[in-house]
Amino acid sequence: MTMRLFRHYTELPTEVRGSVVVLGNFDGVHLGHQAVIATARDIGLAAAMPVGVMTFEPHPRAVLAKDKDSFRLTPFRTKARTLEALGVDFLIAQHFDLKFARHTAAEFVDHVLVEGIGARHVVVGYDYLFGQGRSGNVTVLEALGRSRGFAVTAVPPVRSATGVTYSSTQVRTCLVEGRPRDAAWLLGRYFEVEGRVEYGDQWGRWLGYPTANLYLGEYQKPRIGVYAVRVGLDKRGETLWQNGVANYGYRPSVEGRTPLLEVHLLDFAENIYRRRLRVALVEFLRPERRFDGLEALRAQIATDVAQARTILHRLLLSNHAIALDSPIRTVWESTNHTLTSSMNHREGVRGVH
């Protein structure tokens, strides 16, 4: 069944009112988020009710916070696709602005959840905050639910076997530090960037390694450097995955000034200019650096390609290979994979963000 998309809480038709509704931003849709959605699905299945997610676009932090740095993990397109794969029946992508932010906790419940959505059961993470000034918490929501006639379930924090709490903050840290495998462990799938292939200066083609160039936009940037990647191309509505190697950075050897993701697809010769690509970061290979001449750069690219080919071939032959469009499946199923110790003592990291 295809997930239905609504852009405002007042647009819901009769057949999806009286549902189980999950509230949250779900940036990254990591395994903690997936646990919240799985809880809602269990409730919906038991009560024969549809399950919807209400999220906010743009992200409230982008509207309210003074810090405007790029922090979002997932473009809306990626978030919606992942939520649909998790079995969500409908998605409300509520426009968020300063006017909407002025809803008090009680007004949000009355106008949005009760009058607008007709929620029968609301599911949130244990530390969910809502309403003007984030004045409402789970206790407030439960009290309002009792008086308005809907149930509330707060999902406790979800932690790994080593005690790490799944959170968007942790995912961002992994990406900034060049640890895409640990990010994948938190997400349950590889972290992806997505964009349209732009025309470049043809340096890659001249060097013998043509690249598809993507600008990452206003989203969380990974560590600058070279990665082994999997590249998804849409063909007649189906995503086909190719192996690749990518450089994210400024291209100092050719005097680049704007950060760019350059993706070389292995064993691939099609023209894909202006096509949309999904690029999944699998393994960090090395930092970006300046080379003394283009021949030295060409030789290093050959080494990068060989290393990426080996890593991706081994991955696809192992039990760790994953279907990138199946986010429920955990990436690392073996017991010998653990997160690096730096993830176990980050201060200020809370539960499901």
Protein backbone atom coordinates (compact mmCIF):
# COMPACT_ATOMS: atom_id res chain seq x y z
CA MET A 1 0.00 0.00 0.00
CA THR A 2 1.33 3.44 -0.96
CA MET A 3 1.76 5.94 1.85
CA ARG A 4 -0.50 8.98 1.51
CA LEU A 5 1.01 12.45 1.92
CA PHE A 6 -0.75 15.49 3.34
CA ARG A 7 0.72 18.97 3.65
CA HIS A 8 -1.58 20.24 6.41
CA TYR A 9 -3.36 18.61 9.32
CA THR A 10 -6.72 19.97 8.09
CA GLU A 11 -6.49 18.00 4.81
CA LEU A 12 -7.15 14.56 6.27
CA PRO A 13 -10.08 12.66 4.74
CA THR A 14 -12.54 10.76 6.88
CA GLU A 15 -10.93 7.36 6.35
CA VAL A 16 -7.67 8.32 8.07
CA ARG A 17 -9.18 10.22 10.97
CA GLY A 18 -9.40 8.29 14.23
CA SER A 19 -5.91 6.85 13.75
CA VAL A 20 -2.73 6.14 15.62
CA VAL A 21 -0.54 9.23 15.19
CA VAL A 22 3.21 9.39 15.78
CA LEU A 23 4.69 12.82 16.51
CA GLY A 24 8.28 13.84 15.88
CA ASN A 25 10.83 15.32 13.50
CA PHE A 26 12.41 11.93 12.68
CA ASP A 27 15.59 13.45 11.28
CA GLY A 28 17.57 10.49 9.98
CA VAL A 29 14.84 7.95 10.86
CA HIS A 30 17.38 6.03 12.95
CA LEU A 31 16.71 2.81 14.87
CA GLY A 32 15.33 4.74 17.84
CA HIS A 33 12.78 6.41 15.57
CA GLN A 34 12.01 3.06 14.00
CA ALA A 35 11.22 1.62 17.43
CA VAL A 36 8.68 4.40 18.00
CA ILE A 37 7.05 3.73 14.64
CA ALA A 38 7.06 -0.04 15.23
CA THR A 39 5.24 0.53 18.53
CA ALA A 40 2.61 2.59 16.72
CA ARG A 41 2.21 -0.08 14.06
CA ASP A 42 1.63 -2.74 16.72
CA ILE A 43 -1.03 -0.56 18.34
CA GLY A 44 -2.66 0.15 14.98
CA LEU A 45 -2.67 -3.52 14.00
CA ALA A 46 -4.26 -4.57 17.30
CA ALA A 47 -6.97 -1.90 17.05
CA ALA A 48 -7.44 -2.05 13.25
CA MET A 49 -6.52 1.63 12.91
CA PRO A 50 -4.31 3.29 10.29
CA VAL A 51 -0.96 4.66 11.44
CA GLY A 52 0.20 8.14 10.53
CA VAL A 53 3.27 10.23 11.23
CA MET A 54 3.11 13.98 11.77
CA THR A 55 6.38 15.75 11.16
CA PHE A 56 7.26 19.37 10.48
CA GLU A 57 8.71 21.12 7.43
CA PRO A 58 10.95 22.99 7.64
CA HIS A 59 12.55 21.54 10.77
CA PRO A 60 11.50 23.69 13.79
CA ARG A 61 15.14 24.21 14.71
CA ALA A 62 15.74 25.89 11.35
CA VAL A 63 12.90 28.32 12.10
CA LEU A 64 13.46 29.00 15.79
CA ALA A 65 17.17 28.51 16.49
CA LYS A 66 19.73 31.24 16.05
CA ASP A 67 22.25 28.63 14.90
CA LYS A 68 21.47 28.16 11.21
CA ASP A 69 24.31 25.74 10.43
CA SER A 70 23.42 22.77 8.24
CA PHE A 71 22.32 19.98 10.57
CA ARG A 72 19.54 18.02 8.89
CA LEU A 73 20.38 14.42 8.10
CA THR A 74 17.62 13.71 5.63
CA PRO A 75 15.95 15.72 2.90
CA PHE A 76 12.19 15.39 2.99
CA ARG A 77 12.20 13.06 -0.04
CA THR A 78 14.51 10.62 1.78
CA LYS A 79 12.55 10.83 5.03
CA ALA A 80 9.23 10.16 3.29
CA ARG A 81 10.65 7.21 1.35
CA THR A 82 12.06 5.67 4.54
CA LEU A 83 8.84 6.14 6.50
CA GLU A 84 6.88 4.50 3.71
CA ALA A 85 9.25 1.52 3.80
CA LEU A 86 8.55 1.24 7.54
CA GLY A 87 4.85 0.70 6.84
CA VAL A 88 3.44 4.14 7.69
CA ASP A 89 -0.02 4.59 6.14
CA PHE A 90 -0.01 8.37 5.90
CA LEU A 91 2.37 11.25 6.50
CA ILE A 92 1.45 14.79 7.52
CA ALA A 93 4.30 17.12 6.55
CA GLN A 94 2.99 20.10 8.49
CA HIS A 95 4.37 23.48 7.42
CA PHE A 96 6.16 25.01 10.42
CA ASP A 97 6.56 28.75 10.81
CA LEU A 98 6.52 31.32 13.60
CA LYS A 99 2.71 31.42 13.56
CA PHE A 100 2.44 27.66 14.05
CA ALA A 101 5.13 27.84 16.75
CA ARG A 102 2.84 30.06 18.84
CA HIS A 103 0.45 27.17 19.54
CA THR A 104 0.50 26.45 23.26
CA ALA A 105 0.62 22.80 24.29
CA ALA A 106 -3.14 22.77 24.93
CA GLU A 107 -3.88 24.57 21.65
CA PHE A 108 -1.77 22.09 19.72
CA VAL A 109 -3.67 19.19 21.26
CA ASP A 110 -7.10 20.78 20.78
CA HIS A 111 -6.69 22.30 17.32
CA VAL A 112 -4.31 19.83 15.70
CA LEU A 113 -4.63 16.43 17.36
CA VAL A 114 -8.32 16.50 18.30
CA GLU A 115 -10.09 18.78 15.81
CA GLY A 116 -7.71 18.41 12.87
CA ILE A 117 -6.57 14.78 13.00
CA GLY A 118 -9.10 13.16 15.31
CA ALA A 119 -6.31 11.13 16.90
CA ARG A 120 -7.35 8.06 18.89
CA HIS A 121 -3.87 7.12 20.07
CA VAL A 122 -0.72 9.27 20.08
CA VAL A 123 2.76 7.72 20.17
CA VAL A 124 5.93 9.70 20.99
CA GLY A 125 9.47 9.21 22.20
CA TYR A 126 9.99 9.41 25.95
CA ASP A 127 11.52 12.91 25.79
CA TYR A 128 9.10 14.46 23.30
CA LEU A 129 8.49 18.20 23.77
CA PHE A 130 5.84 20.29 22.04
CA GLY A 131 3.98 23.59 22.16
CA GLN A 132 5.16 27.17 22.42
CA GLY A 133 8.56 27.32 24.08
CA ARG A 134 8.58 23.48 24.16
CA SER A 135 6.38 23.79 27.26
CA GLY A 136 4.61 20.46 26.79
CA ASN A 137 6.19 17.11 27.66
CA VAL A 138 4.96 13.53 27.91
CA THR A 139 3.30 14.14 31.29
CA VAL A 140 1.40 17.13 29.89
CA LEU A 141 0.41 15.17 26.77
CA GLU A 142 -0.87 12.25 28.86
CA ALA A 143 -2.97 14.58 31.02
CA LEU A 144 -4.42 16.36 27.98
CA GLY A 145 -5.08 13.00 26.33
CA ARG A 146 -7.07 11.76 29.32
CA SER A 147 -9.27 14.86 29.29
CA ARG A 148 -9.69 14.88 25.48
CA GLY A 149 -10.31 11.17 25.00
CA PHE A 150 -7.19 9.80 23.33
CA ALA A 151 -4.52 7.43 24.61
CA VAL A 152 -0.81 8.24 24.79
CA THR A 153 2.14 5.84 24.58
CA ALA A 154 5.64 7.12 25.29
CA VAL A 155 8.36 4.79 23.98
CA PRO A 156 11.35 4.49 26.36
CA PRO A 157 14.89 5.21 25.13
CA VAL A 158 16.31 2.61 22.78
CA ARG A 159 19.90 1.56 23.44
CA SER A 160 22.35 -0.83 21.85
CA ALA A 161 23.81 -3.85 23.60
CA THR A 162 26.77 -1.64 24.58
CA GLY A 163 24.51 1.03 26.09
CA VAL A 164 24.67 3.59 23.28
CA THR A 165 21.42 5.54 22.84
CA TYR A 166 20.29 5.82 19.24
CA SER A 167 20.00 9.51 18.36
CA SER A 168 20.33 11.93 15.47
CA THR A 169 23.09 13.69 17.40
CA GLN A 170 25.13 10.49 17.44
CA VAL A 171 24.63 10.02 13.70
CA ARG A 172 25.85 13.56 13.00
CA THR A 173 28.92 12.95 15.15
CA CYS A 174 29.76 9.78 13.22
CA LEU A 175 29.49 11.58 9.90
CA VAL A 176 31.59 14.56 10.95
CA GLU A 177 34.28 12.21 12.26
CA GLY A 178 34.34 10.10 9.09
CA ARG A 179 32.74 6.98 10.58
CA PRO A 180 29.99 6.05 8.11
CA ARG A 181 29.90 2.44 9.35
CA ASP A 182 28.98 3.59 12.84
CA ALA A 183 26.38 5.94 11.35
CA ALA A 184 24.94 2.98 9.45
CA TRP A 185 24.81 0.96 12.66
CA LEU A 186 22.67 3.70 14.25
CA LEU A 187 20.46 4.20 11.20
CA GLY A 188 19.89 0.56 10.32
CA ARG A 189 21.00 1.41 6.76
CA TYR A 190 23.78 3.37 5.12
CA PHE A 191 23.63 7.15 5.32
CA GLU A 192 22.63 8.63 1.98
CA VAL A 193 22.96 11.96 0.27
CA GLU A 194 20.75 12.70 -2.69
CA GLY A 195 20.84 15.24 -5.47
CA ARG A 196 20.79 16.02 -9.16
CA VAL A 197 23.95 15.58 -11.22
CA GLU A 198 25.40 18.97 -12.15
CA TYR A 199 27.72 19.90 -14.99
CA GLY A 200 31.32 20.17 -13.82
CA ASP A 201 34.70 21.22 -15.17
CA GLN A 202 35.44 17.74 -16.63
CA TRP A 203 38.64 17.22 -14.62
CA GLY A 204 37.55 13.70 -13.72
CA ARG A 205 36.95 12.74 -17.34
CA TRP A 206 40.31 14.21 -18.33
CA LEU A 207 42.00 12.11 -15.64
CA GLY A 208 40.25 8.97 -16.88
CA TYR A 209 37.73 8.82 -14.02
CA PRO A 210 34.55 10.70 -15.04
CA THR A 211 32.46 11.87 -12.11
CA ALA A 212 28.88 12.79 -11.36
CA ASN A 213 28.96 16.04 -9.38
CA LEU A 214 26.45 16.79 -6.62
CA TYR A 215 26.09 19.80 -4.33
CA LEU A 216 24.84 18.67 -0.93
CA GLY A 217 22.71 21.70 -0.10
CA GLU A 218 21.66 22.70 3.41
CA TYR A 219 22.14 19.34 5.06
CA GLN A 220 24.63 17.67 7.37
CA LYS A 221 27.98 17.36 5.63
CA PRO A 222 30.20 14.31 6.14
CA ARG A 223 33.90 14.54 6.86
CA ILE A 224 35.85 15.85 3.89
CA GLY A 225 37.61 13.01 2.15
CA VAL A 226 37.26 9.96 -0.10
CA TYR A 227 34.64 7.24 0.40
CA ALA A 228 33.64 3.86 -0.98
CA VAL A 229 29.99 4.33 -1.94
CA ARG A 230 26.94 2.66 -3.39
CA VAL A 231 25.10 4.75 -5.98
CA GLY A 232 21.38 4.45 -6.68
CA LEU A 233 19.91 5.39 -10.07
CA ASP A 234 16.21 5.43 -10.81
CA LYS A 235 15.25 3.33 -13.81
CA ARG A 236 11.55 3.13 -14.63
CA GLY A 237 10.60 3.57 -10.99
CA GLU A 238 13.14 1.06 -9.65
CA THR A 239 16.40 2.00 -7.93
CA LEU A 240 19.40 0.17 -9.36
CA TRP A 241 22.58 0.21 -7.26
CA GLN A 242 26.12 0.56 -8.58
CA ASN A 243 29.49 0.50 -6.82
CA GLY A 244 31.47 3.72 -6.74
CA VAL A 245 34.13 5.88 -5.13
CA ALA A 246 33.46 9.49 -4.16
CA ASN A 247 35.39 12.52 -3.03
CA TYR A 248 33.68 15.14 -0.90
CA GLY A 249 35.67 18.33 -0.57
CA TYR A 250 37.26 21.33 -2.23
CA ARG A 251 39.50 19.54 -4.79
CA PRO A 252 42.69 21.40 -3.83
CA SER A 253 44.73 19.81 -6.61
CA VAL A 254 42.61 21.61 -9.24
CA GLU A 255 42.02 24.80 -7.21
CA GLY A 256 38.43 24.03 -6.31
CA ARG A 257 36.69 26.52 -4.02
CA THR A 258 33.20 25.11 -3.42
CA PRO A 259 32.65 21.83 -1.54
CA LEU A 260 31.37 19.23 -3.96
CA LEU A 261 30.61 15.51 -3.96
CA GLU A 262 32.29 13.92 -6.99
CA VAL A 263 31.13 10.35 -7.61
CA HIS A 264 32.87 7.93 -9.97
CA LEU A 265 30.70 4.90 -10.76
CA LEU A 266 32.68 1.72 -11.28
CA ASP A 267 32.20 -0.16 -14.55
CA PHE A 268 29.60 2.34 -15.74
CA ALA A 269 29.48 4.44 -18.92
CA GLU A 270 25.99 5.96 -19.20
CA ASN A 271 25.35 9.69 -19.49
CA ILE A 272 23.59 10.67 -16.26
CA TYR A 273 23.76 14.47 -16.33
CA ARG A 274 20.69 16.04 -14.64
CA ARG A 275 19.63 12.64 -13.28
CA ARG A 276 18.92 12.26 -9.57
CA LEU A 277 21.35 10.08 -7.64
CA ARG A 278 21.28 8.50 -4.22
CA VAL A 279 24.79 8.08 -2.81
CA ALA A 280 25.23 5.82 0.23
CA LEU A 281 28.46 6.30 2.20
CA VAL A 282 29.93 2.87 3.01
CA GLU A 283 33.55 3.37 4.09
CA PHE A 284 35.87 6.34 4.65
CA LEU A 285 39.07 5.73 2.68
CA ARG A 286 41.29 8.75 3.32
CA PRO A 287 41.29 12.53 3.93
CA GLU A 288 41.36 14.90 0.97
CA ARG A 289 44.79 16.32 0.19
CA ARG A 290 46.64 18.32 -2.42
CA PHE A 291 48.86 16.42 -4.88
CA ASP A 292 52.00 17.61 -6.64
CA GLY A 293 50.74 17.36 -10.19
CA LEU A 294 47.89 15.67 -11.98
CA GLU A 295 49.79 12.43 -12.56
CA ALA A 296 50.17 11.98 -8.81
CA LEU A 297 46.45 12.66 -8.44
CA ARG A 298 45.63 10.15 -11.19
CA ALA A 299 47.73 7.48 -9.48
CA GLN A 300 46.02 8.08 -6.14
CA ILE A 301 42.57 7.88 -7.73
CA ALA A 302 43.54 4.50 -9.18
CA THR A 303 44.50 3.36 -5.69
CA ASP A 304 41.22 4.70 -4.27
CA VAL A 305 39.21 2.89 -6.95
CA ALA A 306 40.99 -0.39 -6.27
CA GLN A 307 40.45 -0.06 -2.52
CA ALA A 308 36.77 0.82 -2.94
CA ARG A 309 36.27 -2.08 -5.32
CA THR A 310 37.76 -4.51 -2.80
CA ILE A 311 35.70 -3.17 0.11
CA LEU A 312 32.42 -3.19 -1.80
CA HIS A 313 33.01 -6.63 -3.30
CA ARG A 314 33.73 -8.04 0.16
CA LEU A 315 30.65 -6.30 1.56
CA LEU A 316 28.33 -7.67 -1.08
CA LEU A 317 29.63 -11.21 -0.54
CA SER A 318 29.31 -11.04 3.23
CA ASN A 319 26.36 -11.34 5.57
CA HIS A 320 26.61 -7.58 6.09
CA ALA A 321 25.28 -6.75 2.64
CA ILE A 322 22.03 -4.83 2.96
CA ALA A 323 19.14 -3.84 0.76
CA LEU A 324 19.44 -0.07 0.83
CA ASP A 325 15.70 0.41 0.34
CA SER A 326 14.85 -1.76 3.37
CA PRO A 327 15.58 0.44 6.39
CA ILE A 328 14.13 -1.93 8.98
CA ARG A 329 16.95 -4.41 8.43
CA THR A 330 19.89 -3.86 10.80
CA VAL A 331 23.18 -3.28 9.01
CA TRP A 332 25.52 -5.11 11.36
CA GLU A 333 24.03 -8.45 12.34
CA SER A 334 27.24 -10.05 13.60
CA THR A 335 28.12 -9.82 17.26
CA ASN A 336 31.68 -8.63 16.60
CA HIS A 337 30.71 -5.14 15.49
CA THR A 338 30.68 -2.52 18.24
CA LEU A 339 30.61 1.23 18.11
CA THR A 340 33.86 3.02 18.79
CA SER A 341 34.39 4.05 22.38
CA SER A 342 34.07 7.75 21.53
CA MET A 343 30.32 7.24 21.15
CA ASN A 344 29.89 6.01 24.70
CA HIS A 345 30.79 9.20 26.52
CA ARG A 346 29.28 12.06 24.52
CA GLU A 347 27.73 14.49 26.93
CA GLY A 348 24.32 15.95 26.30
CA VAL A 349 23.09 13.13 24.07
CA ARG A 350 19.53 12.19 24.86
CA GLY A 351 17.13 9.63 23.51
CA VAL A 352 15.12 9.81 20.31
CA HIS A 353 15.73 13.12 18.53
